[in-house]
Amino acid sequence: MTVAAPTLEQTRAAASGIHAMGQADFAARKSQEAGDVLTAFFVILAQKLFPRDAERDTASRVELMLAAWFLRSDVQHQKLKAPSEAQAKKAVDKVSQLTAAQLDQAITAEVGDAMLAFFQAFARKVINETEDDRAKTVQLMVLAYLARRELA
């Protein structure tokens, strides 16, 4: 199910909820909505783009990916239960195989400028890295955001 890119107001509302979320709430949502299997697939994606990362940096990137996953749920006002292994694998495989053109099209159609700006700002706040690495971190967040679509 493809949903149009969120408006600035929708992005602000969802982002403020994510930004204000405490660790306990984040952990509960991670368990209920993403689960261990999806989180593991996010770890694999992060390690593919950043194979030399320390475990701490990978964990930070995965948390950013989970935040993007939650943002899609919040924008759509639709919570999902954690996917099965087959569902998670199918969703992650599908978005990780997007060509550059398909990814650009999805960013324009589904992510939008406001959400992309939030991803960039949030990544900058969480991880101190070069601009090139930040762009790859934002790419991971975009993939997580799009993977959520595959399970709707």
C-alpha atoms as a PDB file:
ATOM      1  CA  MET A   1       0.000   0.000   0.000  1.00  0.00           C
ATOM      2  CA  THR A   2       1.638   3.207  -1.180  1.00  0.00           C
ATOM      3  CA  VAL A   3       0.762   6.293   0.807  1.00  0.00           C
ATOM      4  CA  ALA A   4       1.551   9.820  -0.309  1.00  0.00           C
ATOM      5  CA  ALA A   5       4.438  11.603   1.344  1.00  0.00           C
ATOM      6  CA  PRO A   6       3.377  13.139   4.647  1.00  0.00           C
ATOM      7  CA  THR A   7       2.770  16.850   4.910  1.00  0.00           C
ATOM      8  CA  LEU A   8       4.964  19.061   7.041  1.00  0.00           C
ATOM      9  CA  GLU A   9       2.289  19.057   9.759  1.00  0.00           C
ATOM     10  CA  GLN A  10       1.997  15.256   9.734  1.00  0.00           C
ATOM     11  CA  THR A  11       5.767  14.931   9.878  1.00  0.00           C
ATOM     12  CA  ARG A  12       6.038  17.386  12.778  1.00  0.00           C
ATOM     13  CA  ALA A  13       3.322  15.615  14.761  1.00  0.00           C
ATOM     14  CA  ALA A  14       4.829  12.160  14.259  1.00  0.00           C
ATOM     15  CA  ALA A  15       8.403  13.360  14.773  1.00  0.00           C
ATOM     16  CA  SER A  16       7.582  15.157  18.013  1.00  0.00           C
ATOM     17  CA  GLY A  17       6.108  11.932  19.363  1.00  0.00           C
ATOM     18  CA  ILE A  18       9.208   9.961  18.400  1.00  0.00           C
ATOM     19  CA  HIS A  19      11.548  12.642  19.724  1.00  0.00           C
ATOM     20  CA  ALA A  20       9.752  12.761  23.087  1.00  0.00           C
ATOM     21  CA  MET A  21       9.585   8.981  23.496  1.00  0.00           C
ATOM     22  CA  GLY A  22      11.391   7.619  26.531  1.00  0.00           C
ATOM     23  CA  GLN A  23      13.587   4.524  26.467  1.00  0.00           C
ATOM     24  CA  ALA A  24      10.897   2.336  28.079  1.00  0.00           C
ATOM     25  CA  ASP A  25       8.302   3.379  25.489  1.00  0.00           C
ATOM     26  CA  PHE A  26      10.806   2.883  22.679  1.00  0.00           C
ATOM     27  CA  ALA A  27      11.643  -0.609  23.958  1.00  0.00           C
ATOM     28  CA  ALA A  28       7.951  -1.500  24.244  1.00  0.00           C
ATOM     29  CA  ARG A  29       7.228  -0.353  20.701  1.00  0.00           C
ATOM     30  CA  LYS A  30      10.315  -2.154  19.455  1.00  0.00           C
ATOM     31  CA  SER A  31       9.058  -5.384  20.989  1.00  0.00           C
ATOM     32  CA  GLN A  32       5.424  -5.008  19.940  1.00  0.00           C
ATOM     33  CA  GLU A  33       5.756  -3.455  16.485  1.00  0.00           C
ATOM     34  CA  ALA A  34       9.148  -4.521  15.147  1.00  0.00           C
ATOM     35  CA  GLY A  35      10.165  -7.575  17.131  1.00  0.00           C
ATOM     36  CA  ASP A  36      13.507  -9.306  17.327  1.00  0.00           C
ATOM     37  CA  VAL A  37      13.403 -10.687  13.794  1.00  0.00           C
ATOM     38  CA  LEU A  38      12.887  -7.354  12.029  1.00  0.00           C
ATOM     39  CA  THR A  39      15.449  -5.735  14.305  1.00  0.00           C
ATOM     40  CA  ALA A  40      17.932  -8.442  13.304  1.00  0.00           C
ATOM     41  CA  PHE A  41      17.286  -7.753   9.612  1.00  0.00           C
ATOM     42  CA  PHE A  42      17.856  -4.037  10.285  1.00  0.00           C
ATOM     43  CA  VAL A  43      21.190  -4.955  11.918  1.00  0.00           C
ATOM     44  CA  ILE A  44      22.160  -6.895   8.793  1.00  0.00           C
ATOM     45  CA  LEU A  45      21.279  -3.929   6.552  1.00  0.00           C
ATOM     46  CA  ALA A  46      23.270  -1.549   8.746  1.00  0.00           C
ATOM     47  CA  GLN A  47      26.263  -3.879   8.752  1.00  0.00           C
ATOM     48  CA  LYS A  48      26.157  -4.151   4.954  1.00  0.00           C
ATOM     49  CA  LEU A  49      26.448  -0.369   4.558  1.00  0.00           C
ATOM     50  CA  PHE A  50      28.836   0.063   7.499  1.00  0.00           C
ATOM     51  CA  PRO A  51      30.851  -3.168   7.792  1.00  0.00           C
ATOM     52  CA  ARG A  52      33.564  -1.596   9.966  1.00  0.00           C
ATOM     53  CA  ASP A  53      31.228  -0.043  12.518  1.00  0.00           C
ATOM     54  CA  ALA A  54      31.650  -0.750  16.195  1.00  0.00           C
ATOM     55  CA  GLU A  55      28.670  -2.502  17.784  1.00  0.00           C
ATOM     56  CA  ARG A  56      27.650   0.752  19.484  1.00  0.00           C
ATOM     57  CA  ASP A  57      27.424   2.575  16.143  1.00  0.00           C
ATOM     58  CA  THR A  58      25.440  -0.255  14.553  1.00  0.00           C
ATOM     59  CA  ALA A  59      23.036  -0.155  17.497  1.00  0.00           C
ATOM     60  CA  SER A  60      22.573   3.602  17.028  1.00  0.00           C
ATOM     61  CA  ARG A  61      21.844   3.160  13.336  1.00  0.00           C
ATOM     62  CA  VAL A  62      19.330   0.397  14.058  1.00  0.00           C
ATOM     63  CA  GLU A  63      17.584   2.642  16.590  1.00  0.00           C
ATOM     64  CA  LEU A  64      17.329   5.313  13.900  1.00  0.00           C
ATOM     65  CA  MET A  65      15.866   2.724  11.529  1.00  0.00           C
ATOM     66  CA  LEU A  66      13.338   1.679  14.168  1.00  0.00           C
ATOM     67  CA  ALA A  67      12.420   5.327  14.711  1.00  0.00           C
ATOM     68  CA  ALA A  68      11.756   5.633  10.965  1.00  0.00           C
ATOM     69  CA  TRP A  69       9.651   2.455  11.138  1.00  0.00           C
ATOM     70  CA  PHE A  70       7.616   3.948  14.001  1.00  0.00           C
ATOM     71  CA  LEU A  71       7.244   7.257  12.147  1.00  0.00           C
ATOM     72  CA  ARG A  72       5.513   5.522   9.255  1.00  0.00           C
ATOM     73  CA  SER A  73       3.100   3.892  11.719  1.00  0.00           C
ATOM     74  CA  ASP A  74       2.452   7.217  13.411  1.00  0.00           C
ATOM     75  CA  VAL A  75       1.916   9.119  10.162  1.00  0.00           C
ATOM     76  CA  GLN A  76      -0.520   6.474   8.964  1.00  0.00           C
ATOM     77  CA  HIS A  77      -2.144   6.102  12.405  1.00  0.00           C
ATOM     78  CA  GLN A  78      -1.825   2.362  11.982  1.00  0.00           C
ATOM     79  CA  LYS A  79       0.124   0.198  14.394  1.00  0.00           C
ATOM     80  CA  LEU A  80       1.112  -3.281  13.305  1.00  0.00           C
ATOM     81  CA  LYS A  81       2.207  -6.247  15.333  1.00  0.00           C
ATOM     82  CA  ALA A  82       5.748  -7.491  14.898  1.00  0.00           C
ATOM     83  CA  PRO A  83       6.154  -9.357  11.611  1.00  0.00           C
ATOM     84  CA  SER A  84       7.018 -13.013  11.277  1.00  0.00           C
ATOM     85  CA  GLU A  85      10.460 -13.949  10.025  1.00  0.00           C
ATOM     86  CA  ALA A  86       9.131 -14.565   6.502  1.00  0.00           C
ATOM     87  CA  GLN A  87       7.282 -11.226   6.436  1.00  0.00           C
ATOM     88  CA  ALA A  88      10.278  -9.305   7.782  1.00  0.00           C
ATOM     89  CA  LYS A  89      12.674 -10.949   5.314  1.00  0.00           C
ATOM     90  CA  LYS A  90      10.368 -10.276   2.370  1.00  0.00           C
ATOM     91  CA  ALA A  91       9.922  -6.598   3.309  1.00  0.00           C
ATOM     92  CA  VAL A  92      13.621  -5.946   3.931  1.00  0.00           C
ATOM     93  CA  ASP A  93      14.679  -7.854   0.818  1.00  0.00           C
ATOM     94  CA  LYS A  94      12.229  -5.880  -1.317  1.00  0.00           C
ATOM     95  CA  VAL A  95      13.411  -2.445  -0.198  1.00  0.00           C
ATOM     96  CA  SER A  96      17.098  -3.374  -0.159  1.00  0.00           C
ATOM     97  CA  GLN A  97      16.843  -4.413  -3.818  1.00  0.00           C
ATOM     98  CA  LEU A  98      15.431  -1.089  -5.022  1.00  0.00           C
ATOM     99  CA  THR A  99      17.456   0.484  -7.797  1.00  0.00           C
ATOM    100  CA  ALA A 100      18.669   4.048  -7.368  1.00  0.00           C
ATOM    101  CA  ALA A 101      15.871   5.263  -9.651  1.00  0.00           C
ATOM    102  CA  GLN A 102      13.225   3.307  -7.746  1.00  0.00           C
ATOM    103  CA  LEU A 103      14.573   4.595  -4.435  1.00  0.00           C
ATOM    104  CA  ASP A 104      14.510   8.190  -5.685  1.00  0.00           C
ATOM    105  CA  GLN A 105      10.938   7.711  -6.900  1.00  0.00           C
ATOM    106  CA  ALA A 106       9.869   6.258  -3.538  1.00  0.00           C
ATOM    107  CA  ILE A 107      11.543   9.110  -1.670  1.00  0.00           C
ATOM    108  CA  THR A 108       9.656  11.648  -3.770  1.00  0.00           C
ATOM    109  CA  ALA A 109       6.323   9.828  -3.645  1.00  0.00           C
ATOM    110  CA  GLU A 110       6.265   8.411  -0.118  1.00  0.00           C
ATOM    111  CA  VAL A 111       8.915   9.973   2.082  1.00  0.00           C
ATOM    112  CA  GLY A 112       8.864  13.593   0.988  1.00  0.00           C
ATOM    113  CA  ASP A 113      11.055  16.540   1.828  1.00  0.00           C
ATOM    114  CA  ALA A 114       9.736  17.116   5.349  1.00  0.00           C
ATOM    115  CA  MET A 115      10.326  13.538   6.465  1.00  0.00           C
ATOM    116  CA  LEU A 116      13.706  13.407   4.746  1.00  0.00           C
ATOM    117  CA  ALA A 117      14.735  16.606   6.556  1.00  0.00           C
ATOM    118  CA  PHE A 118      13.671  15.049   9.861  1.00  0.00           C
ATOM    119  CA  PHE A 119      15.696  11.909   9.105  1.00  0.00           C
ATOM    120  CA  GLN A 120      18.759  14.049   8.394  1.00  0.00           C
ATOM    121  CA  ALA A 121      18.350  16.137  11.544  1.00  0.00           C
ATOM    122  CA  PHE A 122      17.679  13.112  13.744  1.00  0.00           C
ATOM    123  CA  ALA A 123      20.691  11.240  12.333  1.00  0.00           C
ATOM    124  CA  ARG A 124      22.858  14.313  12.945  1.00  0.00           C
ATOM    125  CA  LYS A 125      21.670  14.439  16.558  1.00  0.00           C
ATOM    126  CA  VAL A 126      22.207  10.738  17.279  1.00  0.00           C
ATOM    127  CA  ILE A 127      25.477   9.982  15.473  1.00  0.00           C
ATOM    128  CA  ASN A 128      28.427  12.297  14.914  1.00  0.00           C
ATOM    129  CA  GLU A 129      29.668  11.262  11.470  1.00  0.00           C
ATOM    130  CA  THR A 130      30.826  12.593   8.124  1.00  0.00           C
ATOM    131  CA  GLU A 131      28.291  13.897   5.613  1.00  0.00           C
ATOM    132  CA  ASP A 132      28.863  10.834   3.399  1.00  0.00           C
ATOM    133  CA  ASP A 133      28.189   8.455   6.283  1.00  0.00           C
ATOM    134  CA  ARG A 134      25.177  10.501   7.366  1.00  0.00           C
ATOM    135  CA  ALA A 135      23.740  10.179   3.856  1.00  0.00           C
ATOM    136  CA  LYS A 136      24.080   6.387   4.140  1.00  0.00           C
ATOM    137  CA  THR A 137      22.480   6.459   7.599  1.00  0.00           C
ATOM    138  CA  VAL A 138      19.551   8.434   6.179  1.00  0.00           C
ATOM    139  CA  GLN A 139      19.339   5.856   3.394  1.00  0.00           C
ATOM    140  CA  LEU A 140      18.941   3.156   6.059  1.00  0.00           C
ATOM    141  CA  MET A 141      16.157   5.180   7.660  1.00  0.00           C
ATOM    142  CA  VAL A 142      14.434   5.557   4.285  1.00  0.00           C
ATOM    143  CA  LEU A 143      14.668   1.814   3.697  1.00  0.00           C
ATOM    144  CA  ALA A 144      13.139   1.122   7.126  1.00  0.00           C
ATOM    145  CA  TYR A 145      10.359   3.631   6.440  1.00  0.00           C
ATOM    146  CA  LEU A 146       9.635   1.957   3.097  1.00  0.00           C
ATOM    147  CA  ALA A 147       9.847  -1.551   4.563  1.00  0.00           C
ATOM    148  CA  ARG A 148       6.960  -0.625   6.856  1.00  0.00           C
ATOM    149  CA  ARG A 149       4.854  -0.113   3.735  1.00  0.00           C
ATOM    150  CA  GLU A 150       5.451  -3.715   2.698  1.00  0.00           C
ATOM    151  CA  LEU A 151       3.711  -4.991   5.827  1.00  0.00           C
ATOM    152  CA  ALA A 152       0.653  -2.737   5.734  1.00  0.00           C
END
